[in-house]
Amino acid sequence: MIKVLPLYIKAAGFTLLLSAIGIFLSFVVGIAVSLTVYCKVKFFSVVAKIYIEVARNTPLLIQLFFLYFGFSRIGLRMEAYTCAVVGLTFLGGAYMAEAFRSGFESVDVSQKESAQSLGLNFLQVLRFVVFPQGLSVAVPAICANSLFLLKETSVVSAIALADLVYVAKDLIGLHYKTTECLILLVIFYLILLLPISIYMRKLEKKMRFASHGV
């Protein structure tokens, strides 16, 4: 187990980097899509709703296969890493969009009307009233989605990316030390996930207290 630790450390770094990129891009896509739906932009809101339903109701593994193997059949070849980033963003963006949308819609209509009566235009209402309050409501869902995306990186081994699962399977095939390799796999996922989970729990409490004026 000690001998193969460097391989797990390298794979953990790769997994964390891939997750960070996927979560960041999902955050950006989620905000854009949620605002499109919330503002009821013609045509684009319909496209956004279709995207959300398709992304949330298909497994990431199928999406990766479609990107990696399906697109190559029509001449659109992408590297495995690019497919993984696109797949995580496609899936995560839909979940983040729903989190933001529910947060935005939780803002009371009277607050938006009060802001408009003070002379704020539509964009200013979004920026100063809807977005801050909606974000505080959406934080728990955003945190849960971030952890979900980090765990979902475990399927990228299916397209030959050297994440933690890929390394564990490779070592099991080489040395037949299933128990030891799986113990290390669990330990490294706990090392990655527990600190993030604890931090996000504290962030949720902080945002909840802030939203109640504590």
C-alpha atoms as a PDB file:
ATOM      1  CA  MET A   1       0.000   0.000   0.000  1.00  0.00           C
ATOM      2  CA  ILE A   2       2.853   2.384   0.822  1.00  0.00           C
ATOM      3  CA  LYS A   3       4.575   1.515  -2.435  1.00  0.00           C
ATOM      4  CA  VAL A   4       1.599   2.614  -4.585  1.00  0.00           C
ATOM      5  CA  LEU A   5       0.792   5.763  -2.572  1.00  0.00           C
ATOM      6  CA  PRO A   6       2.460   8.114  -5.133  1.00  0.00           C
ATOM      7  CA  LEU A   7       0.135   6.770  -7.827  1.00  0.00           C
ATOM      8  CA  TYR A   8      -2.913   7.496  -5.684  1.00  0.00           C
ATOM      9  CA  ILE A   9      -1.624  10.961  -4.782  1.00  0.00           C
ATOM     10  CA  LYS A  10      -1.135  11.810  -8.448  1.00  0.00           C
ATOM     11  CA  ALA A  11      -4.588  10.439  -9.312  1.00  0.00           C
ATOM     12  CA  ALA A  12      -6.143  12.416  -6.435  1.00  0.00           C
ATOM     13  CA  GLY A  13      -4.574  15.613  -7.774  1.00  0.00           C
ATOM     14  CA  PHE A  14      -5.966  14.875 -11.226  1.00  0.00           C
ATOM     15  CA  THR A  15      -9.412  14.122  -9.794  1.00  0.00           C
ATOM     16  CA  LEU A  16      -9.420  17.330  -7.749  1.00  0.00           C
ATOM     17  CA  LEU A  17      -8.314  19.477 -10.695  1.00  0.00           C
ATOM     18  CA  LEU A  18     -10.900  17.961 -13.025  1.00  0.00           C
ATOM     19  CA  SER A  19     -13.601  18.458 -10.385  1.00  0.00           C
ATOM     20  CA  ALA A  20     -12.610  22.082  -9.772  1.00  0.00           C
ATOM     21  CA  ILE A  21     -12.765  22.924 -13.471  1.00  0.00           C
ATOM     22  CA  GLY A  22     -16.065  21.091 -13.893  1.00  0.00           C
ATOM     23  CA  ILE A  23     -17.654  22.756 -10.853  1.00  0.00           C
ATOM     24  CA  PHE A  24     -16.493  26.242 -11.876  1.00  0.00           C
ATOM     25  CA  LEU A  25     -17.813  25.876 -15.433  1.00  0.00           C
ATOM     26  CA  SER A  26     -21.040  24.317 -14.119  1.00  0.00           C
ATOM     27  CA  PHE A  27     -21.453  27.343 -11.857  1.00  0.00           C
ATOM     28  CA  VAL A  28     -21.081  29.730 -14.805  1.00  0.00           C
ATOM     29  CA  VAL A  29     -23.426  27.711 -17.049  1.00  0.00           C
ATOM     30  CA  GLY A  30     -25.908  27.319 -14.194  1.00  0.00           C
ATOM     31  CA  ILE A  31     -26.163  31.067 -13.592  1.00  0.00           C
ATOM     32  CA  ALA A  32     -26.616  31.805 -17.310  1.00  0.00           C
ATOM     33  CA  VAL A  33     -29.258  29.109 -17.812  1.00  0.00           C
ATOM     34  CA  SER A  34     -31.150  29.924 -14.618  1.00  0.00           C
ATOM     35  CA  LEU A  35     -31.333  33.628 -15.514  1.00  0.00           C
ATOM     36  CA  THR A  36     -32.600  32.687 -18.969  1.00  0.00           C
ATOM     37  CA  VAL A  37     -35.390  30.612 -17.428  1.00  0.00           C
ATOM     38  CA  TYR A  38     -36.103  33.082 -14.612  1.00  0.00           C
ATOM     39  CA  CYS A  39     -36.311  36.061 -16.970  1.00  0.00           C
ATOM     40  CA  LYS A  40     -38.441  34.021 -19.402  1.00  0.00           C
ATOM     41  CA  VAL A  41     -36.399  34.965 -22.443  1.00  0.00           C
ATOM     42  CA  LYS A  42     -38.360  33.828 -25.489  1.00  0.00           C
ATOM     43  CA  PHE A  43     -37.099  30.717 -27.289  1.00  0.00           C
ATOM     44  CA  PHE A  44     -33.909  30.575 -25.179  1.00  0.00           C
ATOM     45  CA  SER A  45     -35.880  29.733 -22.032  1.00  0.00           C
ATOM     46  CA  VAL A  46     -37.479  26.807 -23.870  1.00  0.00           C
ATOM     47  CA  VAL A  47     -34.054  25.610 -25.041  1.00  0.00           C
ATOM     48  CA  ALA A  48     -32.741  25.991 -21.478  1.00  0.00           C
ATOM     49  CA  LYS A  49     -35.584  23.898 -20.042  1.00  0.00           C
ATOM     50  CA  ILE A  50     -34.993  21.154 -22.629  1.00  0.00           C
ATOM     51  CA  TYR A  51     -31.275  21.189 -21.811  1.00  0.00           C
ATOM     52  CA  ILE A  52     -31.980  20.863 -18.081  1.00  0.00           C
ATOM     53  CA  GLU A  53     -34.312  17.907 -18.577  1.00  0.00           C
ATOM     54  CA  VAL A  54     -31.957  16.094 -20.960  1.00  0.00           C
ATOM     55  CA  ALA A  55     -28.872  16.643 -18.780  1.00  0.00           C
ATOM     56  CA  ARG A  56     -30.534  15.660 -15.503  1.00  0.00           C
ATOM     57  CA  ASN A  57     -32.215  12.560 -16.888  1.00  0.00           C
ATOM     58  CA  THR A  58     -29.226  10.947 -18.586  1.00  0.00           C
ATOM     59  CA  PRO A  59     -26.265   9.392 -16.697  1.00  0.00           C
ATOM     60  CA  LEU A  60     -22.868  11.051 -16.965  1.00  0.00           C
ATOM     61  CA  LEU A  61     -21.390   7.782 -18.223  1.00  0.00           C
ATOM     62  CA  ILE A  62     -23.746   7.782 -21.221  1.00  0.00           C
ATOM     63  CA  GLN A  63     -22.956  11.443 -21.897  1.00  0.00           C
ATOM     64  CA  LEU A  64     -19.220  10.686 -21.862  1.00  0.00           C
ATOM     65  CA  PHE A  65     -19.651   7.738 -24.235  1.00  0.00           C
ATOM     66  CA  PHE A  66     -21.690   9.938 -26.555  1.00  0.00           C
ATOM     67  CA  LEU A  67     -19.031  12.661 -26.541  1.00  0.00           C
ATOM     68  CA  TYR A  68     -16.031  10.344 -26.780  1.00  0.00           C
ATOM     69  CA  PHE A  69     -17.280   7.618 -29.104  1.00  0.00           C
ATOM     70  CA  GLY A  70     -20.388   9.078 -30.752  1.00  0.00           C
ATOM     71  CA  PHE A  71     -18.907  12.377 -31.902  1.00  0.00           C
ATOM     72  CA  SER A  72     -15.849  10.627 -33.348  1.00  0.00           C
ATOM     73  CA  ARG A  73     -18.138   8.752 -35.742  1.00  0.00           C
ATOM     74  CA  ILE A  74     -19.162  12.048 -37.354  1.00  0.00           C
ATOM     75  CA  GLY A  75     -15.624  13.446 -37.433  1.00  0.00           C
ATOM     76  CA  LEU A  76     -15.741  15.508 -34.217  1.00  0.00           C
ATOM     77  CA  ARG A  77     -12.887  14.043 -32.208  1.00  0.00           C
ATOM     78  CA  MET A  78     -12.178  15.283 -28.696  1.00  0.00           C
ATOM     79  CA  GLU A  79      -9.497  14.238 -26.257  1.00  0.00           C
ATOM     80  CA  ALA A  80     -10.648  12.230 -23.261  1.00  0.00           C
ATOM     81  CA  TYR A  81      -9.871  15.098 -20.866  1.00  0.00           C
ATOM     82  CA  THR A  82     -11.908  17.552 -22.942  1.00  0.00           C
ATOM     83  CA  CYS A  83     -14.803  15.087 -23.032  1.00  0.00           C
ATOM     84  CA  ALA A  84     -14.661  14.756 -19.252  1.00  0.00           C
ATOM     85  CA  VAL A  85     -14.734  18.536 -18.721  1.00  0.00           C
ATOM     86  CA  VAL A  86     -17.576  19.005 -21.222  1.00  0.00           C
ATOM     87  CA  GLY A  87     -19.525  16.109 -19.714  1.00  0.00           C
ATOM     88  CA  LEU A  88     -19.173  17.378 -16.139  1.00  0.00           C
ATOM     89  CA  THR A  89     -20.115  20.898 -17.227  1.00  0.00           C
ATOM     90  CA  PHE A  90     -23.114  19.656 -19.203  1.00  0.00           C
ATOM     91  CA  LEU A  91     -24.426  17.624 -16.271  1.00  0.00           C
ATOM     92  CA  GLY A  92     -23.433  20.034 -13.514  1.00  0.00           C
ATOM     93  CA  GLY A  93     -24.727  23.103 -15.331  1.00  0.00           C
ATOM     94  CA  ALA A  94     -28.242  21.671 -15.340  1.00  0.00           C
ATOM     95  CA  TYR A  95     -28.196  20.903 -11.609  1.00  0.00           C
ATOM     96  CA  MET A  96     -26.686  24.289 -10.784  1.00  0.00           C
ATOM     97  CA  ALA A  97     -29.295  26.009 -12.981  1.00  0.00           C
ATOM     98  CA  GLU A  98     -32.111  24.408 -11.005  1.00  0.00           C
ATOM     99  CA  ALA A  99     -30.440  25.396  -7.725  1.00  0.00           C
ATOM    100  CA  PHE A 100     -30.114  29.029  -8.803  1.00  0.00           C
ATOM    101  CA  ARG A 101     -33.606  29.137 -10.315  1.00  0.00           C
ATOM    102  CA  SER A 102     -35.221  27.897  -7.107  1.00  0.00           C
ATOM    103  CA  GLY A 103     -33.198  30.456  -5.168  1.00  0.00           C
ATOM    104  CA  PHE A 104     -34.211  33.332  -7.435  1.00  0.00           C
ATOM    105  CA  GLU A 105     -37.873  32.339  -7.348  1.00  0.00           C
ATOM    106  CA  SER A 106     -37.826  32.240  -3.548  1.00  0.00           C
ATOM    107  CA  VAL A 107     -37.375  36.033  -3.414  1.00  0.00           C
ATOM    108  CA  ASP A 108     -40.682  37.613  -2.469  1.00  0.00           C
ATOM    109  CA  VAL A 109     -42.440  39.606  -5.183  1.00  0.00           C
ATOM    110  CA  SER A 110     -43.049  42.490  -2.770  1.00  0.00           C
ATOM    111  CA  GLN A 111     -39.286  43.031  -2.422  1.00  0.00           C
ATOM    112  CA  LYS A 112     -38.842  43.281  -6.168  1.00  0.00           C
ATOM    113  CA  GLU A 113     -41.786  45.659  -6.435  1.00  0.00           C
ATOM    114  CA  SER A 114     -40.382  47.788  -3.602  1.00  0.00           C
ATOM    115  CA  ALA A 115     -37.024  47.987  -5.381  1.00  0.00           C
ATOM    116  CA  GLN A 116     -38.711  49.040  -8.615  1.00  0.00           C
ATOM    117  CA  SER A 117     -40.710  51.708  -6.768  1.00  0.00           C
ATOM    118  CA  LEU A 118     -37.392  53.157  -5.563  1.00  0.00           C
ATOM    119  CA  GLY A 119     -36.302  53.628  -9.172  1.00  0.00           C
ATOM    120  CA  LEU A 120     -34.226  50.500  -9.780  1.00  0.00           C
ATOM    121  CA  ASN A 121     -34.436  49.070 -13.276  1.00  0.00           C
ATOM    122  CA  PHE A 122     -34.806  45.367 -14.046  1.00  0.00           C
ATOM    123  CA  LEU A 123     -31.064  44.626 -14.122  1.00  0.00           C
ATOM    124  CA  GLN A 124     -30.469  46.530 -10.883  1.00  0.00           C
ATOM    125  CA  VAL A 125     -33.269  44.564  -9.186  1.00  0.00           C
ATOM    126  CA  LEU A 126     -31.607  41.343 -10.314  1.00  0.00           C
ATOM    127  CA  ARG A 127     -28.180  42.466  -9.134  1.00  0.00           C
ATOM    128  CA  PHE A 128     -29.025  44.049  -5.779  1.00  0.00           C
ATOM    129  CA  VAL A 129     -32.195  42.216  -4.684  1.00  0.00           C
ATOM    130  CA  VAL A 130     -32.803  38.914  -6.444  1.00  0.00           C
ATOM    131  CA  PHE A 131     -29.257  37.606  -6.862  1.00  0.00           C
ATOM    132  CA  PRO A 132     -27.947  38.140  -3.268  1.00  0.00           C
ATOM    133  CA  GLN A 133     -31.049  36.700  -1.609  1.00  0.00           C
ATOM    134  CA  GLY A 134     -31.464  33.925  -4.153  1.00  0.00           C
ATOM    135  CA  LEU A 135     -27.827  32.913  -3.770  1.00  0.00           C
ATOM    136  CA  SER A 136     -28.139  32.541   0.005  1.00  0.00           C
ATOM    137  CA  VAL A 137     -31.130  30.224  -0.508  1.00  0.00           C
ATOM    138  CA  ALA A 138     -29.359  28.264  -3.257  1.00  0.00           C
ATOM    139  CA  VAL A 139     -26.122  27.672  -1.299  1.00  0.00           C
ATOM    140  CA  PRO A 140     -27.160  24.287   0.211  1.00  0.00           C
ATOM    141  CA  ALA A 141     -28.115  22.939  -3.222  1.00  0.00           C
ATOM    142  CA  ILE A 142     -24.962  24.369  -4.807  1.00  0.00           C
ATOM    143  CA  CYS A 143     -22.806  22.704  -2.138  1.00  0.00           C
ATOM    144  CA  ALA A 144     -24.594  19.386  -2.609  1.00  0.00           C
ATOM    145  CA  ASN A 145     -24.182  19.624  -6.383  1.00  0.00           C
ATOM    146  CA  SER A 146     -20.466  20.372  -6.023  1.00  0.00           C
ATOM    147  CA  LEU A 147     -19.914  17.257  -3.927  1.00  0.00           C
ATOM    148  CA  PHE A 148     -22.053  15.277  -6.369  1.00  0.00           C
ATOM    149  CA  LEU A 149     -19.873  16.393  -9.302  1.00  0.00           C
ATOM    150  CA  LEU A 150     -16.673  15.519  -7.451  1.00  0.00           C
ATOM    151  CA  LYS A 151     -17.999  12.015  -6.836  1.00  0.00           C
ATOM    152  CA  GLU A 152     -19.215  11.737 -10.436  1.00  0.00           C
ATOM    153  CA  THR A 153     -15.627  12.068 -11.675  1.00  0.00           C
ATOM    154  CA  SER A 154     -15.304   8.393 -10.738  1.00  0.00           C
ATOM    155  CA  VAL A 155     -16.852   7.444 -14.094  1.00  0.00           C
ATOM    156  CA  VAL A 156     -14.232   9.202 -16.247  1.00  0.00           C
ATOM    157  CA  SER A 157     -12.075   6.095 -15.923  1.00  0.00           C
ATOM    158  CA  ALA A 158     -14.420   4.612 -18.551  1.00  0.00           C
ATOM    159  CA  ILE A 159     -12.740   6.808 -21.172  1.00  0.00           C
ATOM    160  CA  ALA A 160      -9.229   5.935 -19.965  1.00  0.00           C
ATOM    161  CA  LEU A 161      -8.514   8.930 -17.740  1.00  0.00           C
ATOM    162  CA  ALA A 162      -6.180   8.206 -14.821  1.00  0.00           C
ATOM    163  CA  ASP A 163      -8.405   9.234 -11.927  1.00  0.00           C
ATOM    164  CA  LEU A 164      -8.547   7.421  -8.589  1.00  0.00           C
ATOM    165  CA  VAL A 165     -10.879   4.676  -9.814  1.00  0.00           C
ATOM    166  CA  TYR A 166      -8.750   4.047 -12.912  1.00  0.00           C
ATOM    167  CA  VAL A 167      -5.593   3.699 -10.814  1.00  0.00           C
ATOM    168  CA  ALA A 168      -7.318   1.355  -8.342  1.00  0.00           C
ATOM    169  CA  LYS A 169      -8.651  -0.884 -11.131  1.00  0.00           C
ATOM    170  CA  ASP A 170      -5.266  -0.883 -12.862  1.00  0.00           C
ATOM    171  CA  LEU A 171      -3.430  -1.907  -9.680  1.00  0.00           C
ATOM    172  CA  ILE A 172      -5.978  -4.612  -8.911  1.00  0.00           C
ATOM    173  CA  GLY A 173      -5.399  -6.021 -12.382  1.00  0.00           C
ATOM    174  CA  LEU A 174      -1.626  -5.959 -11.919  1.00  0.00           C
ATOM    175  CA  HIS A 175      -1.226  -7.193  -8.349  1.00  0.00           C
ATOM    176  CA  TYR A 176      -4.569  -8.829  -7.458  1.00  0.00           C
ATOM    177  CA  LYS A 177      -4.583  -6.918  -4.159  1.00  0.00           C
ATOM    178  CA  THR A 178      -8.265  -5.983  -4.288  1.00  0.00           C
ATOM    179  CA  THR A 179      -8.814  -5.213  -0.601  1.00  0.00           C
ATOM    180  CA  GLU A 180      -5.703  -3.032  -0.236  1.00  0.00           C
ATOM    181  CA  CYS A 181      -6.412  -1.071  -3.422  1.00  0.00           C
ATOM    182  CA  LEU A 182     -10.042  -0.460  -2.496  1.00  0.00           C
ATOM    183  CA  ILE A 183      -9.099   0.629   1.038  1.00  0.00           C
ATOM    184  CA  LEU A 184      -6.742   3.214  -0.424  1.00  0.00           C
ATOM    185  CA  LEU A 185      -9.441   4.301  -2.872  1.00  0.00           C
ATOM    186  CA  VAL A 186     -11.920   4.907  -0.053  1.00  0.00           C
ATOM    187  CA  ILE A 187      -9.313   6.717   2.061  1.00  0.00           C
ATOM    188  CA  PHE A 188      -8.362   9.080  -0.740  1.00  0.00           C
ATOM    189  CA  TYR A 189     -11.987   9.890  -1.587  1.00  0.00           C
ATOM    190  CA  LEU A 190     -12.589  10.660   2.096  1.00  0.00           C
ATOM    191  CA  ILE A 191      -9.500  12.893   2.123  1.00  0.00           C
ATOM    192  CA  LEU A 192     -10.909  14.798  -0.855  1.00  0.00           C
ATOM    193  CA  LEU A 193     -14.558  14.918   0.152  1.00  0.00           C
ATOM    194  CA  LEU A 194     -14.615  15.349   3.944  1.00  0.00           C
ATOM    195  CA  PRO A 195     -12.801  18.736   4.158  1.00  0.00           C
ATOM    196  CA  ILE A 196     -14.948  20.115   1.335  1.00  0.00           C
ATOM    197  CA  SER A 197     -18.105  18.768   2.983  1.00  0.00           C
ATOM    198  CA  ILE A 198     -17.187  20.317   6.347  1.00  0.00           C
ATOM    199  CA  TYR A 199     -16.330  23.668   4.767  1.00  0.00           C
ATOM    200  CA  MET A 200     -19.561  23.736   2.772  1.00  0.00           C
ATOM    201  CA  ARG A 201     -21.587  22.914   5.883  1.00  0.00           C
ATOM    202  CA  LYS A 202     -20.032  25.911   7.627  1.00  0.00           C
ATOM    203  CA  LEU A 203     -20.692  28.068   4.569  1.00  0.00           C
ATOM    204  CA  GLU A 204     -24.354  27.006   4.585  1.00  0.00           C
ATOM    205  CA  LYS A 205     -24.715  28.033   8.238  1.00  0.00           C
ATOM    206  CA  LYS A 206     -22.978  31.347   7.598  1.00  0.00           C
ATOM    207  CA  MET A 207     -25.230  32.154   4.642  1.00  0.00           C
ATOM    208  CA  ARG A 208     -28.331  31.088   6.596  1.00  0.00           C
ATOM    209  CA  PHE A 209     -27.447  33.368   9.498  1.00  0.00           C
ATOM    210  CA  ALA A 210     -26.643  36.226   7.111  1.00  0.00           C
ATOM    211  CA  SER A 211     -29.994  35.854   5.341  1.00  0.00           C
ATOM    212  CA  HIS A 212     -31.783  36.114   8.720  1.00  0.00           C
ATOM    213  CA  GLY A 213     -29.748  39.146   9.746  1.00  0.00           C
ATOM    214  CA  VAL A 214     -27.871  37.365  12.535  1.00  0.00           C
END
